[in-house]
Structure formats: C-alpha cells, structure tokens
C-alpha cells in the first residue's frame, strides 16, 4: 500500500505536470458511442487519431483502489489533495469543464463505494460533505459562478445517493442554506434558486 505521505506528491505531480490536459477539452476523437452517424471520411480521419490520455484517470483509479482495499485515511487524503489541486488550477477559462470533470468523478466514486458496500461509507460521506463547504464557497467568493452551479448540481446527485442509502445529509443541507444566503446577498438569483431547490428536493 502506498505511504500516506506519498499521496499528496503523487496527485500534485499528476495534475500539475499534465495541467493542460486536465483543464482543456480533449482533441477531436471519433467515439462511436457518442455519435449517431459516421461517414467513410470520418472513419479514415479517425484512424490517425489517438484516444485522449486523461491524466485524471490514474488519480480516480487510485481513489477507487483505496475504496476497494478499505483504506479510509488514504481515501480522505486523496480526495483532499484532488480538491486542493482543483482549486489551484481553476480559472475563468476552464471553470466549467474542470469542475464537471472533478465533481462528476467524486459522485461516481461515492456511487462505487455504496455499490460495493465499502465499510467506511459513513466516514467517507461525512468527509466529502465537509469538503463541500470550503470548496463551494471558495469558487463562489472568487466569482466562478459556473463552477458553483456545477458543484451544486453534483451535490444534488451525491445527496440523493446518500439519502437513499440512509446517510445523513444535514451537513450538505447546512452548506446549501449558507449558499442560498450568500447568493441572495450577491444578487446571484440563479444560484440562490438552485441552492434552495436542491435543499428542498434532495431527499425526495
């Protein structure tokens, strides 16, 4: 098992050394599962393309491995480092795509933990819930409003997964309520309504 003090270094190097691939859309690549029609010329052009090499994939696989091997301390540190690097990399140019990639992977990781009966799911969910507060308010205070919207939508998905599994959502509800107040004070009507609606409908 990887030493705990190596986790931060490994994730930081993976995300910083491949910064452009983390924050930018992938180059054109013909994915037959994402298209309805294909032509002969499309096929010929695509044979010269290589599948995109996503630098986040090894990070996500590492976090899944910690779930599979029942290593809560490693998992929490890995999530912490992933989110710290996310906040370091975010900018106006990449806020939407970067946020979607990071937070959709965290939602998938929670679903994986629930589906595999990870024995430390409660502590994992509590830790992930605690992380939402500083991350969401950082992106909001820095005026990354697209990112805040993406995080809120992922919080809805995660909260619904947690509620169905019988996990407490009080921390997330608290964060959403503060988000409502902050958005209202800043005249961000769309985010105010989104946070309110998610808070009211999360457990329905």
C-alpha atoms as a PDB file:
ATOM      1  CA  UNK A   1       0.000   0.000   0.000  1.00  0.00           C
ATOM      2  CA  UNK A   2       1.202   3.478  -0.849  1.00  0.00           C
ATOM      3  CA  UNK A   3       2.610   5.509   2.035  1.00  0.00           C
ATOM      4  CA  UNK A   4       0.285   8.276   3.178  1.00  0.00           C
ATOM      5  CA  UNK A   5       2.925  10.966   2.771  1.00  0.00           C
ATOM      6  CA  UNK A   6       3.370   9.984  -0.899  1.00  0.00           C
ATOM      7  CA  UNK A   7      -0.275  10.568  -1.820  1.00  0.00           C
ATOM      8  CA  UNK A   8      -0.137  14.364  -1.952  1.00  0.00           C
ATOM      9  CA  UNK A   9       3.018  14.338  -4.043  1.00  0.00           C
ATOM     10  CA  UNK A  10       1.661  11.782  -6.493  1.00  0.00           C
ATOM     11  CA  UNK A  11      -1.635  13.605  -7.096  1.00  0.00           C
ATOM     12  CA  UNK A  12       0.026  17.015  -7.302  1.00  0.00           C
ATOM     13  CA  UNK A  13       2.556  15.817  -9.873  1.00  0.00           C
ATOM     14  CA  UNK A  14      -0.102  14.068 -11.922  1.00  0.00           C
ATOM     15  CA  UNK A  15      -2.300  17.176 -12.104  1.00  0.00           C
ATOM     16  CA  UNK A  16       0.376  19.870 -12.408  1.00  0.00           C
ATOM     17  CA  UNK A  17       2.695  18.080 -14.845  1.00  0.00           C
ATOM     18  CA  UNK A  18      -0.297  17.422 -17.099  1.00  0.00           C
ATOM     19  CA  UNK A  19      -2.017  20.724 -16.386  1.00  0.00           C
ATOM     20  CA  UNK A  20      -3.039  21.474 -19.985  1.00  0.00           C
ATOM     21  CA  UNK A  21      -4.682  18.086 -20.414  1.00  0.00           C
ATOM     22  CA  UNK A  22      -6.510  18.472 -17.100  1.00  0.00           C
ATOM     23  CA  UNK A  23      -8.018  21.878 -17.814  1.00  0.00           C
ATOM     24  CA  UNK A  24      -8.519  21.763 -21.600  1.00  0.00           C
ATOM     25  CA  UNK A  25     -11.017  19.809 -23.704  1.00  0.00           C
ATOM     26  CA  UNK A  26      -9.665  16.725 -25.370  1.00  0.00           C
ATOM     27  CA  UNK A  27      -8.568  16.911 -29.021  1.00  0.00           C
ATOM     28  CA  UNK A  28     -11.018  15.594 -31.644  1.00  0.00           C
ATOM     29  CA  UNK A  29     -11.556  11.856 -31.359  1.00  0.00           C
ATOM     30  CA  UNK A  30     -14.224   9.759 -33.055  1.00  0.00           C
ATOM     31  CA  UNK A  31     -16.198   7.945 -30.372  1.00  0.00           C
ATOM     32  CA  UNK A  32     -18.840   5.748 -31.990  1.00  0.00           C
ATOM     33  CA  UNK A  33     -20.715   5.619 -28.697  1.00  0.00           C
ATOM     34  CA  UNK A  34     -21.201   9.377 -28.800  1.00  0.00           C
ATOM     35  CA  UNK A  35     -22.244   9.837 -32.432  1.00  0.00           C
ATOM     36  CA  UNK A  36     -25.299   8.814 -34.448  1.00  0.00           C
ATOM     37  CA  UNK A  37     -23.852   8.804 -37.967  1.00  0.00           C
ATOM     38  CA  UNK A  38     -20.407   8.208 -39.378  1.00  0.00           C
ATOM     39  CA  UNK A  39     -19.026   8.583 -42.873  1.00  0.00           C
ATOM     40  CA  UNK A  40     -16.147   6.907 -44.674  1.00  0.00           C
ATOM     41  CA  UNK A  41     -14.065  10.076 -44.463  1.00  0.00           C
ATOM     42  CA  UNK A  42     -14.797  10.332 -40.723  1.00  0.00           C
ATOM     43  CA  UNK A  43     -13.503   6.800 -40.267  1.00  0.00           C
ATOM     44  CA  UNK A  44     -10.388   7.411 -42.339  1.00  0.00           C
ATOM     45  CA  UNK A  45      -9.591  10.610 -40.447  1.00  0.00           C
ATOM     46  CA  UNK A  46     -10.210   8.923 -37.097  1.00  0.00           C
ATOM     47  CA  UNK A  47      -7.685   6.169 -37.767  1.00  0.00           C
ATOM     48  CA  UNK A  48      -4.961   8.819 -37.478  1.00  0.00           C
ATOM     49  CA  UNK A  49      -6.245   9.944 -34.076  1.00  0.00           C
ATOM     50  CA  UNK A  50      -5.234   8.545 -30.722  1.00  0.00           C
ATOM     51  CA  UNK A  51      -7.640   8.159 -27.800  1.00  0.00           C
ATOM     52  CA  UNK A  52      -7.264  11.049 -25.343  1.00  0.00           C
ATOM     53  CA  UNK A  53      -4.922  10.320 -22.467  1.00  0.00           C
ATOM     54  CA  UNK A  54      -6.773  11.651 -19.440  1.00  0.00           C
ATOM     55  CA  UNK A  55      -4.335  12.444 -16.610  1.00  0.00           C
ATOM     56  CA  UNK A  56      -7.193  12.325 -14.103  1.00  0.00           C
ATOM     57  CA  UNK A  57      -7.832   8.644 -14.811  1.00  0.00           C
ATOM     58  CA  UNK A  58      -4.906   7.343 -12.708  1.00  0.00           C
ATOM     59  CA  UNK A  59      -5.948   9.629  -9.841  1.00  0.00           C
ATOM     60  CA  UNK A  60      -9.524   8.329  -9.922  1.00  0.00           C
ATOM     61  CA  UNK A  61      -8.319   4.728 -10.173  1.00  0.00           C
ATOM     62  CA  UNK A  62      -6.122   5.337  -7.126  1.00  0.00           C
ATOM     63  CA  UNK A  63      -9.094   6.633  -5.120  1.00  0.00           C
ATOM     64  CA  UNK A  64     -11.185   3.643  -6.203  1.00  0.00           C
ATOM     65  CA  UNK A  65      -8.382   1.358  -5.103  1.00  0.00           C
ATOM     66  CA  UNK A  66      -8.481   2.903  -1.633  1.00  0.00           C
ATOM     67  CA  UNK A  67     -12.206   2.152  -1.503  1.00  0.00           C
ATOM     68  CA  UNK A  68     -11.678  -1.402  -2.718  1.00  0.00           C
ATOM     69  CA  UNK A  69      -8.873  -2.054  -0.218  1.00  0.00           C
ATOM     70  CA  UNK A  70     -10.772  -0.395   2.663  1.00  0.00           C
ATOM     71  CA  UNK A  71      -8.279   2.402   3.330  1.00  0.00           C
ATOM     72  CA  UNK A  72     -10.252   5.395   4.664  1.00  0.00           C
ATOM     73  CA  UNK A  73      -7.249   7.505   5.651  1.00  0.00           C
ATOM     74  CA  UNK A  74      -5.715   7.168   2.196  1.00  0.00           C
ATOM     75  CA  UNK A  75      -9.056   7.910   0.557  1.00  0.00           C
ATOM     76  CA  UNK A  76      -9.658  11.081   2.552  1.00  0.00           C
ATOM     77  CA  UNK A  77      -6.160  12.396   1.909  1.00  0.00           C
ATOM     78  CA  UNK A  78      -6.517  11.599  -1.780  1.00  0.00           C
ATOM     79  CA  UNK A  79      -9.817  13.487  -2.016  1.00  0.00           C
ATOM     80  CA  UNK A  80      -8.348  16.409  -0.099  1.00  0.00           C
ATOM     81  CA  UNK A  81      -5.363  16.627  -2.441  1.00  0.00           C
ATOM     82  CA  UNK A  82      -7.542  16.288  -5.538  1.00  0.00           C
ATOM     83  CA  UNK A  83      -9.754  19.176  -4.398  1.00  0.00           C
ATOM     84  CA  UNK A  84      -6.833  21.390  -3.346  1.00  0.00           C
ATOM     85  CA  UNK A  85      -5.247  20.947  -6.774  1.00  0.00           C
ATOM     86  CA  UNK A  86      -8.627  21.625  -8.394  1.00  0.00           C
ATOM     87  CA  UNK A  87      -8.865  24.951  -6.560  1.00  0.00           C
ATOM     88  CA  UNK A  88      -5.318  25.790  -7.573  1.00  0.00           C
ATOM     89  CA  UNK A  89      -5.986  25.055 -11.260  1.00  0.00           C
ATOM     90  CA  UNK A  90      -9.400  26.670 -11.658  1.00  0.00           C
ATOM     91  CA  UNK A  91      -9.652  29.800 -13.818  1.00  0.00           C
ATOM     92  CA  UNK A  92     -12.331  31.644 -15.749  1.00  0.00           C
ATOM     93  CA  UNK A  93     -11.289  29.827 -18.923  1.00  0.00           C
ATOM     94  CA  UNK A  94     -11.621  26.300 -17.564  1.00  0.00           C
ATOM     95  CA  UNK A  95     -14.026  26.582 -14.616  1.00  0.00           C
ATOM     96  CA  UNK A  96     -16.920  24.759 -16.276  1.00  0.00           C
ATOM     97  CA  UNK A  97     -15.169  21.759 -17.821  1.00  0.00           C
ATOM     98  CA  UNK A  98     -12.683  21.316 -14.972  1.00  0.00           C
ATOM     99  CA  UNK A  99     -15.396  21.450 -12.307  1.00  0.00           C
ATOM    100  CA  UNK A 100     -17.599  18.995 -14.178  1.00  0.00           C
ATOM    101  CA  UNK A 101     -14.731  16.520 -14.549  1.00  0.00           C
ATOM    102  CA  UNK A 102     -13.606  16.678 -10.928  1.00  0.00           C
ATOM    103  CA  UNK A 103     -17.028  16.619  -9.271  1.00  0.00           C
ATOM    104  CA  UNK A 104     -18.648  14.062 -11.563  1.00  0.00           C
ATOM    105  CA  UNK A 105     -15.767  11.725 -10.706  1.00  0.00           C
ATOM    106  CA  UNK A 106     -16.388  12.298  -6.989  1.00  0.00           C
ATOM    107  CA  UNK A 107     -20.070  11.473  -7.459  1.00  0.00           C
ATOM    108  CA  UNK A 108     -19.102   8.301  -9.313  1.00  0.00           C
ATOM    109  CA  UNK A 109     -16.675   7.428  -6.523  1.00  0.00           C
ATOM    110  CA  UNK A 110     -19.440   7.762  -3.927  1.00  0.00           C
ATOM    111  CA  UNK A 111     -21.714   5.570  -6.027  1.00  0.00           C
ATOM    112  CA  UNK A 112     -18.910   2.993  -6.286  1.00  0.00           C
ATOM    113  CA  UNK A 113     -18.439   2.987  -2.504  1.00  0.00           C
ATOM    114  CA  UNK A 114     -22.165   2.488  -1.963  1.00  0.00           C
ATOM    115  CA  UNK A 115     -22.443  -0.229  -4.603  1.00  0.00           C
ATOM    116  CA  UNK A 116     -19.502  -2.179  -3.189  1.00  0.00           C
ATOM    117  CA  UNK A 117     -20.630  -1.916   0.448  1.00  0.00           C
ATOM    118  CA  UNK A 118     -17.495  -0.032   1.463  1.00  0.00           C
ATOM    119  CA  UNK A 119     -17.454  -0.473   5.258  1.00  0.00           C
ATOM    120  CA  UNK A 120     -16.353   3.123   5.898  1.00  0.00           C
ATOM    121  CA  UNK A 121     -19.048   4.750   3.764  1.00  0.00           C
ATOM    122  CA  UNK A 122     -20.344   6.882   6.648  1.00  0.00           C
ATOM    123  CA  UNK A 123     -16.941   8.445   7.313  1.00  0.00           C
ATOM    124  CA  UNK A 124     -16.344   8.838   3.562  1.00  0.00           C
ATOM    125  CA  UNK A 125     -19.669  10.602   3.089  1.00  0.00           C
ATOM    126  CA  UNK A 126     -19.104  12.800   6.149  1.00  0.00           C
ATOM    127  CA  UNK A 127     -15.654  13.774   4.906  1.00  0.00           C
ATOM    128  CA  UNK A 128     -16.899  14.512   1.388  1.00  0.00           C
ATOM    129  CA  UNK A 129     -19.756  16.573   2.841  1.00  0.00           C
ATOM    130  CA  UNK A 130     -17.301  18.572   4.945  1.00  0.00           C
ATOM    131  CA  UNK A 131     -15.184  19.281   1.857  1.00  0.00           C
ATOM    132  CA  UNK A 132     -18.112  20.817   0.002  1.00  0.00           C
ATOM    133  CA  UNK A 133     -18.228  23.852   2.282  1.00  0.00           C
ATOM    134  CA  UNK A 134     -14.758  25.376   1.755  1.00  0.00           C
ATOM    135  CA  UNK A 135     -14.612  24.358  -1.912  1.00  0.00           C
ATOM    136  CA  UNK A 136     -18.044  25.692  -2.873  1.00  0.00           C
ATOM    137  CA  UNK A 137     -17.577  28.958  -1.016  1.00  0.00           C
ATOM    138  CA  UNK A 138     -14.087  29.454  -2.454  1.00  0.00           C
ATOM    139  CA  UNK A 139     -15.330  29.205  -6.040  1.00  0.00           C
ATOM    140  CA  UNK A 140     -18.305  31.424  -5.231  1.00  0.00           C
ATOM    141  CA  UNK A 141     -16.232  34.090  -3.472  1.00  0.00           C
ATOM    142  CA  UNK A 142     -13.779  34.069  -6.403  1.00  0.00           C
ATOM    143  CA  UNK A 143     -16.782  34.592  -8.709  1.00  0.00           C
ATOM    144  CA  UNK A 144     -16.555  31.265 -10.518  1.00  0.00           C
ATOM    145  CA  UNK A 145     -20.312  31.109 -10.778  1.00  0.00           C
ATOM    146  CA  UNK A 146     -20.399  28.434 -13.493  1.00  0.00           C
ATOM    147  CA  UNK A 147     -18.263  26.240 -11.252  1.00  0.00           C
ATOM    148  CA  UNK A 148     -20.555  26.902  -8.289  1.00  0.00           C
ATOM    149  CA  UNK A 149     -23.542  25.804 -10.380  1.00  0.00           C
ATOM    150  CA  UNK A 150     -21.754  22.598 -11.419  1.00  0.00           C
ATOM    151  CA  UNK A 151     -20.835  21.783  -7.814  1.00  0.00           C
ATOM    152  CA  UNK A 152     -24.387  22.405  -6.626  1.00  0.00           C
ATOM    153  CA  UNK A 153     -25.782  20.033  -9.240  1.00  0.00           C
ATOM    154  CA  UNK A 154     -23.300  17.344  -8.228  1.00  0.00           C
ATOM    155  CA  UNK A 155     -24.206  17.934  -4.573  1.00  0.00           C
ATOM    156  CA  UNK A 156     -27.798  17.136  -5.539  1.00  0.00           C
ATOM    157  CA  UNK A 157     -26.743  13.819  -7.099  1.00  0.00           C
ATOM    158  CA  UNK A 158     -24.485  12.930  -4.177  1.00  0.00           C
ATOM    159  CA  UNK A 159     -27.101  13.935  -1.621  1.00  0.00           C
ATOM    160  CA  UNK A 160     -29.736  11.797  -3.316  1.00  0.00           C
ATOM    161  CA  UNK A 161     -27.370   8.814  -3.363  1.00  0.00           C
ATOM    162  CA  UNK A 162     -26.595   9.340   0.320  1.00  0.00           C
ATOM    163  CA  UNK A 163     -30.238   9.786   1.318  1.00  0.00           C
ATOM    164  CA  UNK A 164     -31.249   6.576  -0.473  1.00  0.00           C
ATOM    165  CA  UNK A 165     -28.500   4.764   1.411  1.00  0.00           C
ATOM    166  CA  UNK A 166     -29.747   6.090   4.739  1.00  0.00           C
ATOM    167  CA  UNK A 167     -26.841   8.508   5.267  1.00  0.00           C
ATOM    168  CA  UNK A 168     -27.365  11.848   6.990  1.00  0.00           C
ATOM    169  CA  UNK A 169     -27.461  14.892   4.716  1.00  0.00           C
ATOM    170  CA  UNK A 170     -27.578  17.549   7.453  1.00  0.00           C
ATOM    171  CA  UNK A 171     -24.107  18.909   6.622  1.00  0.00           C
ATOM    172  CA  UNK A 172     -24.921  19.296   2.944  1.00  0.00           C
ATOM    173  CA  UNK A 173     -28.262  20.885   3.835  1.00  0.00           C
ATOM    174  CA  UNK A 174     -26.405  23.365   6.050  1.00  0.00           C
ATOM    175  CA  UNK A 175     -23.974  24.234   3.238  1.00  0.00           C
ATOM    176  CA  UNK A 176     -26.853  24.708   0.813  1.00  0.00           C
ATOM    177  CA  UNK A 177     -28.617  27.066   3.222  1.00  0.00           C
ATOM    178  CA  UNK A 178     -25.492  29.205   3.584  1.00  0.00           C
ATOM    179  CA  UNK A 179     -25.143  29.159  -0.205  1.00  0.00           C
ATOM    180  CA  UNK A 180     -28.681  30.477  -0.518  1.00  0.00           C
ATOM    181  CA  UNK A 181     -27.861  33.393   1.794  1.00  0.00           C
ATOM    182  CA  UNK A 182     -24.568  34.198   0.058  1.00  0.00           C
ATOM    183  CA  UNK A 183     -26.174  34.064  -3.379  1.00  0.00           C
ATOM    184  CA  UNK A 184     -29.057  36.258  -2.251  1.00  0.00           C
ATOM    185  CA  UNK A 185     -26.684  38.832  -0.756  1.00  0.00           C
ATOM    186  CA  UNK A 186     -24.683  38.878  -4.005  1.00  0.00           C
ATOM    187  CA  UNK A 187     -27.782  39.115  -6.225  1.00  0.00           C
ATOM    188  CA  UNK A 188     -26.969  35.778  -7.859  1.00  0.00           C
ATOM    189  CA  UNK A 189     -30.592  34.826  -8.396  1.00  0.00           C
ATOM    190  CA  UNK A 190     -29.897  31.680 -10.433  1.00  0.00           C
ATOM    191  CA  UNK A 191     -27.588  30.209  -7.788  1.00  0.00           C
ATOM    192  CA  UNK A 192     -29.947  31.242  -4.998  1.00  0.00           C
ATOM    193  CA  UNK A 193     -32.860  29.422  -6.629  1.00  0.00           C
ATOM    194  CA  UNK A 194     -30.728  26.390  -7.473  1.00  0.00           C
ATOM    195  CA  UNK A 195     -29.395  26.019  -3.917  1.00  0.00           C
ATOM    196  CA  UNK A 196     -32.901  26.460  -2.498  1.00  0.00           C
ATOM    197  CA  UNK A 197     -34.457  23.932  -4.864  1.00  0.00           C
ATOM    198  CA  UNK A 198     -31.722  21.356  -4.231  1.00  0.00           C
ATOM    199  CA  UNK A 199     -32.034  21.778  -0.470  1.00  0.00           C
ATOM    200  CA  UNK A 200     -35.789  21.301  -0.618  1.00  0.00           C
ATOM    201  CA  UNK A 201     -35.745  18.351  -3.009  1.00  0.00           C
ATOM    202  CA  UNK A 202     -32.585  16.456  -2.100  1.00  0.00           C
ATOM    203  CA  UNK A 203     -34.332  13.779  -0.071  1.00  0.00           C
ATOM    204  CA  UNK A 204     -37.471  13.492  -2.188  1.00  0.00           C
END
